[in-house]
PDB file of N, CA and C in Angstrom:
ATOM      1  N   UNK A   1       4.525   6.502   0.706  1.00  0.00           N
ATOM      2  CA  UNK A   1       3.892   6.810  -0.882  1.00  0.00           C
ATOM      3  C   UNK A   1       2.528   6.687  -0.862  1.00  0.00           C
ATOM      4  N   UNK A   2       1.755   7.547  -1.668  1.00  0.00           N
ATOM      5  CA  UNK A   2       0.507   7.384  -1.768  1.00  0.00           C
ATOM      6  C   UNK A   2       0.245   6.913  -2.950  1.00  0.00           C
ATOM      7  N   UNK A   3      -0.781   6.158  -3.264  1.00  0.00           N
ATOM      8  CA  UNK A   3      -1.528   5.573  -4.411  1.00  0.00           C
ATOM      9  C   UNK A   3      -2.787   5.776  -4.793  1.00  0.00           C
ATOM     10  N   UNK A   4      -3.317   5.684  -6.188  1.00  0.00           N
ATOM     11  CA  UNK A   4      -4.408   5.471  -6.297  1.00  0.00           C
ATOM     12  C   UNK A   4      -4.454   4.148  -6.958  1.00  0.00           C
ATOM     13  N   UNK A   5      -5.531   3.346  -6.545  1.00  0.00           N
ATOM     14  CA  UNK A   5      -5.879   1.690  -6.992  1.00  0.00           C
ATOM     15  C   UNK A   5      -6.969   1.886  -7.771  1.00  0.00           C
ATOM     16  N   UNK A   6      -6.901   0.725  -8.832  1.00  0.00           N
ATOM     17  CA  UNK A   6      -8.322   0.358  -9.431  1.00  0.00           C
ATOM     18  C   UNK A   6      -9.400  -0.543  -8.750  1.00  0.00           C
ATOM     19  N   UNK A   7     -10.389  -0.433  -9.491  1.00  0.00           N
ATOM     20  CA  UNK A   7     -11.616  -1.519  -8.781  1.00  0.00           C
ATOM     21  C   UNK A   7     -11.012  -2.895  -8.422  1.00  0.00           C
ATOM     22  N   UNK A   8     -10.334  -3.389  -9.298  1.00  0.00           N
ATOM     23  CA  UNK A   8      -9.655  -4.776  -9.462  1.00  0.00           C
ATOM     24  C   UNK A   8      -8.786  -5.292  -8.382  1.00  0.00           C
ATOM     25  N   UNK A   9      -7.949  -4.071  -8.010  1.00  0.00           N
ATOM     26  CA  UNK A   9      -7.188  -4.201  -6.869  1.00  0.00           C
ATOM     27  C   UNK A   9      -7.668  -4.159  -5.405  1.00  0.00           C
ATOM     28  N   UNK A  10      -8.666  -3.278  -5.285  1.00  0.00           N
ATOM     29  CA  UNK A  10      -9.563  -3.253  -4.247  1.00  0.00           C
ATOM     30  C   UNK A  10     -10.250  -4.779  -3.952  1.00  0.00           C
ATOM     31  N   UNK A  11     -10.995  -5.118  -5.286  1.00  0.00           N
ATOM     32  CA  UNK A  11     -11.734  -6.528  -4.784  1.00  0.00           C
ATOM     33  C   UNK A  11     -10.578  -7.373  -4.537  1.00  0.00           C
ATOM     34  N   UNK A  12      -9.463  -7.639  -5.242  1.00  0.00           N
ATOM     35  CA  UNK A  12      -8.448  -8.589  -5.116  1.00  0.00           C
ATOM     36  C   UNK A  12      -8.172  -8.529  -3.610  1.00  0.00           C
ATOM     37  N   UNK A  13      -7.747  -7.370  -3.026  1.00  0.00           N
ATOM     38  CA  UNK A  13      -7.532  -7.270  -1.598  1.00  0.00           C
ATOM     39  C   UNK A  13      -8.710  -7.477  -0.555  1.00  0.00           C
ATOM     40  N   UNK A  14      -9.904  -7.527  -1.009  1.00  0.00           N
ATOM     41  CA  UNK A  14     -10.896  -7.629  -0.353  1.00  0.00           C
ATOM     42  C   UNK A  14     -11.239  -6.433   0.640  1.00  0.00           C
ATOM     43  N   UNK A  15     -10.844  -5.346   0.471  1.00  0.00           N
ATOM     44  CA  UNK A  15     -10.991  -4.210   1.336  1.00  0.00           C
ATOM     45  C   UNK A  15     -12.413  -3.671   1.261  1.00  0.00           C
ATOM     46  N   UNK A  16     -13.126  -3.252   2.241  1.00  0.00           N
ATOM     47  CA  UNK A  16     -14.209  -3.045   2.704  1.00  0.00           C
ATOM     48  C   UNK A  16     -14.021  -1.408   2.499  1.00  0.00           C
ATOM     49  N   UNK A  17     -13.395  -0.861   3.031  1.00  0.00           N
ATOM     50  CA  UNK A  17     -13.069   0.440   3.368  1.00  0.00           C
ATOM     51  C   UNK A  17     -11.690   0.965   2.815  1.00  0.00           C
ATOM     52  N   UNK A  18     -11.602   1.219   1.753  1.00  0.00           N
ATOM     53  CA  UNK A  18     -10.075   1.087   1.075  1.00  0.00           C
ATOM     54  C   UNK A  18      -9.593   2.656   1.077  1.00  0.00           C
ATOM     55  N   UNK A  19     -10.301   3.649   1.252  1.00  0.00           N
ATOM     56  CA  UNK A  19      -9.763   5.008   1.147  1.00  0.00           C
ATOM     57  C   UNK A  19      -9.210   5.081   2.565  1.00  0.00           C
ATOM     58  N   UNK A  20      -7.715   5.619   2.437  1.00  0.00           N
ATOM     59  CA  UNK A  20      -6.998   5.651   3.695  1.00  0.00           C
ATOM     60  C   UNK A  20      -6.234   4.415   4.344  1.00  0.00           C
ATOM     61  N   UNK A  21      -6.599   3.166   3.640  1.00  0.00           N
ATOM     62  CA  UNK A  21      -5.970   2.011   4.005  1.00  0.00           C
ATOM     63  C   UNK A  21      -4.546   1.963   3.879  1.00  0.00           C
ATOM     64  N   UNK A  22      -3.826   1.457   4.778  1.00  0.00           N
ATOM     65  CA  UNK A  22      -2.265   1.366   4.640  1.00  0.00           C
ATOM     66  C   UNK A  22      -2.037   0.096   3.971  1.00  0.00           C
ATOM     67  N   UNK A  23      -1.287  -0.171   2.832  1.00  0.00           N
ATOM     68  CA  UNK A  23      -1.037  -1.275   2.269  1.00  0.00           C
ATOM     69  C   UNK A  23       0.184  -1.445   2.009  1.00  0.00           C
ATOM     70  N   UNK A  24       0.850  -2.608   1.553  1.00  0.00           N
ATOM     71  CA  UNK A  24       2.444  -2.663   1.192  1.00  0.00           C
ATOM     72  C   UNK A  24       2.289  -2.937  -0.163  1.00  0.00           C
ATOM     73  N   UNK A  25       3.293  -2.381  -1.105  1.00  0.00           N
ATOM     74  CA  UNK A  25       3.507  -2.512  -2.461  1.00  0.00           C
ATOM     75  C   UNK A  25       5.007  -2.873  -2.570  1.00  0.00           C
ATOM     76  N   UNK A  26       5.477  -4.002  -2.862  1.00  0.00           N
ATOM     77  CA  UNK A  26       7.197  -4.361  -3.137  1.00  0.00           C
ATOM     78  C   UNK A  26       7.772  -4.077  -1.812  1.00  0.00           C
ATOM     79  N   UNK A  27       7.015  -4.422  -0.733  1.00  0.00           N
ATOM     80  CA  UNK A  27       7.627  -4.298   0.556  1.00  0.00           C
ATOM     81  C   UNK A  27       7.766  -2.751   1.103  1.00  0.00           C
ATOM     82  N   UNK A  28       7.082  -1.771   0.450  1.00  0.00           N
ATOM     83  CA  UNK A  28       7.071  -0.457   0.818  1.00  0.00           C
ATOM     84  C   UNK A  28       5.728  -0.015   1.458  1.00  0.00           C
ATOM     85  N   UNK A  29       5.640   0.619   2.197  1.00  0.00           N
ATOM     86  CA  UNK A  29       4.278   1.011   3.000  1.00  0.00           C
ATOM     87  C   UNK A  29       3.671   2.142   1.931  1.00  0.00           C
ATOM     88  N   UNK A  30       2.283   1.930   1.800  1.00  0.00           N
ATOM     89  CA  UNK A  30       1.662   2.842   0.825  1.00  0.00           C
ATOM     90  C   UNK A  30       0.143   3.254   1.531  1.00  0.00           C
ATOM     91  N   UNK A  31      -0.354   4.299   1.125  1.00  0.00           N
ATOM     92  CA  UNK A  31      -1.562   4.859   1.580  1.00  0.00           C
ATOM     93  C   UNK A  31      -2.471   4.897   0.471  1.00  0.00           C
ATOM     94  N   UNK A  32      -3.646   4.240   0.352  1.00  0.00           N
ATOM     95  CA  UNK A  32      -4.725   4.441  -0.610  1.00  0.00           C
ATOM     96  C   UNK A  32      -5.388   5.918  -0.578  1.00  0.00           C
ATOM     97  N   UNK A  33      -5.077   6.800  -1.352  1.00  0.00           N
ATOM     98  CA  UNK A  33      -5.624   7.888  -1.357  1.00  0.00           C
ATOM     99  C   UNK A  33      -6.909   8.042  -2.513  1.00  0.00           C
ATOM    100  N   UNK A  34      -7.038   7.191  -3.281  1.00  0.00           N
ATOM    101  CA  UNK A  34      -7.994   7.279  -4.231  1.00  0.00           C
ATOM    102  C   UNK A  34      -8.399   5.934  -5.045  1.00  0.00           C
ATOM    103  N   UNK A  35      -9.338   6.034  -5.798  1.00  0.00           N
ATOM    104  CA  UNK A  35     -10.021   4.669  -6.273  1.00  0.00           C
ATOM    105  C   UNK A  35     -10.285   5.017  -7.650  1.00  0.00           C
ATOM    106  N   UNK A  36      -9.823   4.128  -8.742  1.00  0.00           N
ATOM    107  CA  UNK A  36     -10.207   4.548 -10.003  1.00  0.00           C
ATOM    108  C   UNK A  36     -10.998   3.522 -10.542  1.00  0.00           C
ATOM    109  N   UNK A  37     -11.613   3.600 -11.749  1.00  0.00           N
ATOM    110  CA  UNK A  37     -12.450   2.407 -12.393  1.00  0.00           C
ATOM    111  C   UNK A  37     -11.382   1.785 -12.997  1.00  0.00           C
ATOM    112  N   UNK A  38     -11.643   0.444 -13.321  1.00  0.00           N
ATOM    113  CA  UNK A  38     -10.626  -0.453 -13.992  1.00  0.00           C
ATOM    114  C   UNK A  38     -10.513   0.096 -15.577  1.00  0.00           C
ATOM    115  N   UNK A  39      -9.362   0.246 -16.059  1.00  0.00           N
ATOM    116  CA  UNK A  39      -9.037   0.488 -17.473  1.00  0.00           C
ATOM    117  C   UNK A  39      -8.214  -0.464 -18.026  1.00  0.00           C
ATOM    118  N   UNK A  40      -8.919  -0.817 -19.471  1.00  0.00           N
ATOM    119  CA  UNK A  40      -8.191  -1.781 -20.212  1.00  0.00           C
ATOM    120  C   UNK A  40      -6.731  -0.991 -20.574  1.00  0.00           C
ATOM    121  N   UNK A  41      -5.881  -1.956 -20.185  1.00  0.00           N
ATOM    122  CA  UNK A  41      -4.275  -1.554 -20.761  1.00  0.00           C
ATOM    123  C   UNK A  41      -3.731  -2.797 -21.478  1.00  0.00           C
ATOM    124  N   UNK A  42      -4.495  -3.887 -21.764  1.00  0.00           N
ATOM    125  CA  UNK A  42      -4.075  -5.078 -22.462  1.00  0.00           C
ATOM    126  C   UNK A  42      -5.149  -5.416 -23.365  1.00  0.00           C
ATOM    127  N   UNK A  43      -4.984  -6.965 -23.495  1.00  0.00           N
ATOM    128  CA  UNK A  43      -5.833  -7.409 -24.520  1.00  0.00           C
ATOM    129  C   UNK A  43      -7.654  -7.396 -23.922  1.00  0.00           C
ATOM    130  N   UNK A  44      -8.408  -7.106 -24.807  1.00  0.00           N
ATOM    131  CA  UNK A  44      -9.924  -7.074 -24.384  1.00  0.00           C
ATOM    132  C   UNK A  44     -10.301  -8.308 -23.833  1.00  0.00           C
ATOM    133  N   UNK A  45      -9.567  -9.440 -24.470  1.00  0.00           N
ATOM    134  CA  UNK A  45     -10.108 -10.893 -24.125  1.00  0.00           C
ATOM    135  C   UNK A  45      -9.536 -11.226 -22.893  1.00  0.00           C
ATOM    136  N   UNK A  46      -8.742 -10.576 -22.121  1.00  0.00           N
ATOM    137  CA  UNK A  46      -8.580 -11.056 -20.606  1.00  0.00           C
ATOM    138  C   UNK A  46      -8.840 -10.073 -19.585  1.00  0.00           C
ATOM    139  N   UNK A  47      -9.154 -10.811 -18.529  1.00  0.00           N
ATOM    140  CA  UNK A  47      -9.601  -9.888 -17.404  1.00  0.00           C
ATOM    141  C   UNK A  47      -8.880  -8.733 -17.195  1.00  0.00           C
ATOM    142  N   UNK A  48      -9.267  -7.659 -16.666  1.00  0.00           N
ATOM    143  CA  UNK A  48      -8.458  -6.531 -16.141  1.00  0.00           C
ATOM    144  C   UNK A  48      -7.878  -6.601 -14.594  1.00  0.00           C
ATOM    145  N   UNK A  49      -6.625  -6.395 -14.686  1.00  0.00           N
ATOM    146  CA  UNK A  49      -5.933  -6.890 -13.524  1.00  0.00           C
ATOM    147  C   UNK A  49      -5.709  -5.750 -12.367  1.00  0.00           C
ATOM    148  N   UNK A  50      -5.299  -6.018 -11.371  1.00  0.00           N
ATOM    149  CA  UNK A  50      -5.408  -4.929 -10.290  1.00  0.00           C
ATOM    150  C   UNK A  50      -4.058  -3.911 -10.653  1.00  0.00           C
ATOM    151  N   UNK A  51      -4.369  -2.538 -10.565  1.00  0.00           N
ATOM    152  CA  UNK A  51      -3.327  -1.668 -10.921  1.00  0.00           C
ATOM    153  C   UNK A  51      -3.186  -0.383  -9.600  1.00  0.00           C
ATOM    154  N   UNK A  52      -1.937  -0.064  -9.768  1.00  0.00           N
ATOM    155  CA  UNK A  52      -1.868   1.225  -8.756  1.00  0.00           C
ATOM    156  C   UNK A  52      -1.184   2.296  -9.590  1.00  0.00           C
ATOM    157  N   UNK A  53      -1.435   3.592  -9.157  1.00  0.00           N
ATOM    158  CA  UNK A  53      -0.686   4.583  -9.692  1.00  0.00           C
ATOM    159  C   UNK A  53      -0.039   5.618  -8.715  1.00  0.00           C
ATOM    160  N   UNK A  54       1.108   6.074  -8.759  1.00  0.00           N
ATOM    161  CA  UNK A  54       1.737   6.729  -7.731  1.00  0.00           C
ATOM    162  C   UNK A  54       2.528   7.730  -8.358  1.00  0.00           C
ATOM    163  N   UNK A  55       2.510   8.950  -7.901  1.00  0.00           N
ATOM    164  CA  UNK A  55       3.374  10.115  -8.280  1.00  0.00           C
ATOM    165  C   UNK A  55       5.003   9.558  -8.101  1.00  0.00           C
ATOM    166  N   UNK A  56       5.770   9.911  -9.239  1.00  0.00           N
ATOM    167  CA  UNK A  56       7.023   9.694  -9.197  1.00  0.00           C
ATOM    168  C   UNK A  56       7.887  10.823  -8.938  1.00  0.00           C
ATOM    169  N   UNK A  57       8.440  11.034  -7.957  1.00  0.00           N
ATOM    170  CA  UNK A  57       9.192  12.426  -7.717  1.00  0.00           C
ATOM    171  C   UNK A  57      10.530  12.279  -8.134  1.00  0.00           C
ATOM    172  N   UNK A  58      11.255  11.057  -8.035  1.00  0.00           N
ATOM    173  CA  UNK A  58      12.597  10.649  -8.383  1.00  0.00           C
ATOM    174  C   UNK A  58      12.786  10.231  -9.890  1.00  0.00           C
ATOM    175  N   UNK A  59      13.120  11.161 -10.762  1.00  0.00           N
ATOM    176  CA  UNK A  59      13.171  10.832 -12.350  1.00  0.00           C
ATOM    177  C   UNK A  59      14.557  10.371 -12.379  1.00  0.00           C
ATOM    178  N   UNK A  60      15.549   9.881 -11.431  1.00  0.00           N
ATOM    179  CA  UNK A  60      16.900   9.172 -11.778  1.00  0.00           C
ATOM    180  C   UNK A  60      16.643   7.961 -12.562  1.00  0.00           C
ATOM    181  N   UNK A  61      15.457   7.386 -12.357  1.00  0.00           N
ATOM    182  CA  UNK A  61      14.827   6.041 -12.908  1.00  0.00           C
ATOM    183  C   UNK A  61      13.799   6.549 -14.250  1.00  0.00           C
ATOM    184  N   UNK A  62      14.607   7.252 -15.017  1.00  0.00           N
ATOM    185  CA  UNK A  62      14.029   7.727 -16.309  1.00  0.00           C
ATOM    186  C   UNK A  62      13.415   6.671 -17.313  1.00  0.00           C
ATOM    187  N   UNK A  63      14.000   5.197 -17.003  1.00  0.00           N
ATOM    188  CA  UNK A  63      13.700   4.263 -18.077  1.00  0.00           C
ATOM    189  C   UNK A  63      12.466   3.680 -17.516  1.00  0.00           C
ATOM    190  N   UNK A  64      11.811   3.687 -16.602  1.00  0.00           N
ATOM    191  CA  UNK A  64      10.802   3.116 -16.385  1.00  0.00           C
ATOM    192  C   UNK A  64       9.565   3.294 -17.284  1.00  0.00           C
ATOM    193  N   UNK A  65       8.696   2.417 -17.277  1.00  0.00           N
ATOM    194  CA  UNK A  65       7.513   2.858 -18.096  1.00  0.00           C
ATOM    195  C   UNK A  65       6.611   3.961 -17.735  1.00  0.00           C
ATOM    196  N   UNK A  66       6.409   4.950 -18.134  1.00  0.00           N
ATOM    197  CA  UNK A  66       5.387   5.834 -17.877  1.00  0.00           C
ATOM    198  C   UNK A  66       4.011   6.016 -18.327  1.00  0.00           C
ATOM    199  N   UNK A  67       3.010   6.227 -17.575  1.00  0.00           N
ATOM    200  CA  UNK A  67       1.660   6.171 -18.103  1.00  0.00           C
ATOM    201  C   UNK A  67       1.346   8.066 -17.987  1.00  0.00           C
ATOM    202  N   UNK A  68       0.942   8.658 -18.949  1.00  0.00           N
ATOM    203  CA  UNK A  68       0.418  10.001 -18.973  1.00  0.00           C
ATOM    204  C   UNK A  68      -1.410   9.771 -18.485  1.00  0.00           C
ATOM    205  N   UNK A  69      -1.680  10.639 -17.768  1.00  0.00           N
ATOM    206  CA  UNK A  69      -3.261  10.762 -17.412  1.00  0.00           C
ATOM    207  C   UNK A  69      -3.618  12.090 -17.537  1.00  0.00           C
ATOM    208  N   UNK A  70      -4.436  12.516 -18.216  1.00  0.00           N
ATOM    209  CA  UNK A  70      -5.112  13.782 -18.614  1.00  0.00           C
ATOM    210  C   UNK A  70      -6.273  13.865 -17.526  1.00  0.00           C
ATOM    211  N   UNK A  71      -6.049  14.724 -16.853  1.00  0.00           N
ATOM    212  CA  UNK A  71      -7.251  14.865 -15.539  1.00  0.00           C
ATOM    213  C   UNK A  71      -8.439  15.775 -16.049  1.00  0.00           C
ATOM    214  N   UNK A  72      -7.953  16.932 -16.884  1.00  0.00           N
ATOM    215  CA  UNK A  72      -8.829  17.824 -17.447  1.00  0.00           C
ATOM    216  C   UNK A  72      -8.707  17.697 -18.842  1.00  0.00           C
ATOM    217  N   UNK A  73      -9.996  17.435 -19.507  1.00  0.00           N
ATOM    218  CA  UNK A  73      -9.883  16.886 -20.996  1.00  0.00           C
ATOM    219  C   UNK A  73      -9.806  18.282 -21.852  1.00  0.00           C
ATOM    220  N   UNK A  74     -10.049  19.369 -21.008  1.00  0.00           N
ATOM    221  CA  UNK A  74      -9.749  20.586 -21.991  1.00  0.00           C
ATOM    222  C   UNK A  74      -8.595  21.231 -22.123  1.00  0.00           C
ATOM    223  N   UNK A  75      -7.507  20.559 -21.297  1.00  0.00           N
ATOM    224  CA  UNK A  75      -6.119  20.999 -21.301  1.00  0.00           C
ATOM    225  C   UNK A  75      -5.403  20.105 -22.339  1.00  0.00           C
ATOM    226  N   UNK A  76      -4.325  20.478 -22.634  1.00  0.00           N
ATOM    227  CA  UNK A  76      -3.193  19.905 -23.331  1.00  0.00           C
ATOM    228  C   UNK A  76      -2.276  19.386 -22.567  1.00  0.00           C
ATOM    229  N   UNK A  77      -1.666  18.210 -22.919  1.00  0.00           N
ATOM    230  CA  UNK A  77      -0.782  17.409 -21.891  1.00  0.00           C
ATOM    231  C   UNK A  77       0.272  18.373 -21.661  1.00  0.00           C
ATOM    232  N   UNK A  78       0.730  19.259 -22.343  1.00  0.00           N
ATOM    233  CA  UNK A  78       2.129  20.170 -22.281  1.00  0.00           C
ATOM    234  C   UNK A  78       1.633  21.445 -21.514  1.00  0.00           C
ATOM    235  N   UNK A  79       0.395  21.607 -21.132  1.00  0.00           N
ATOM    236  CA  UNK A  79      -0.096  22.897 -20.844  1.00  0.00           C
ATOM    237  C   UNK A  79       0.059  22.756 -19.158  1.00  0.00           C
ATOM    238  N   UNK A  80       0.894  23.571 -18.314  1.00  0.00           N
ATOM    239  CA  UNK A  80       1.300  23.300 -17.153  1.00  0.00           C
ATOM    240  C   UNK A  80       0.316  24.125 -16.272  1.00  0.00           C
ATOM    241  N   UNK A  81      -0.550  24.732 -16.707  1.00  0.00           N
ATOM    242  CA  UNK A  81      -1.627  25.893 -16.030  1.00  0.00           C
ATOM    243  C   UNK A  81      -2.590  24.951 -15.761  1.00  0.00           C
TER     244      UNK A  81
END
């Protein structure tokens, strides 16, 4: 599994060179392929916690929470090109 992690996760793990680092998430091996800034997902009065993002290719668990991320602001979410 390849993941993106936020800066809070890097700080929590104390990684000096996080890109390419192999970590464990819920006892599953993962490789850090990117670092993103901290994103406020909850109360602005609480510290931003560690977060990771991975590509889900097994959609049989469709009841999980989903976050949509727009990579190109000029594209619509439903634009596949």
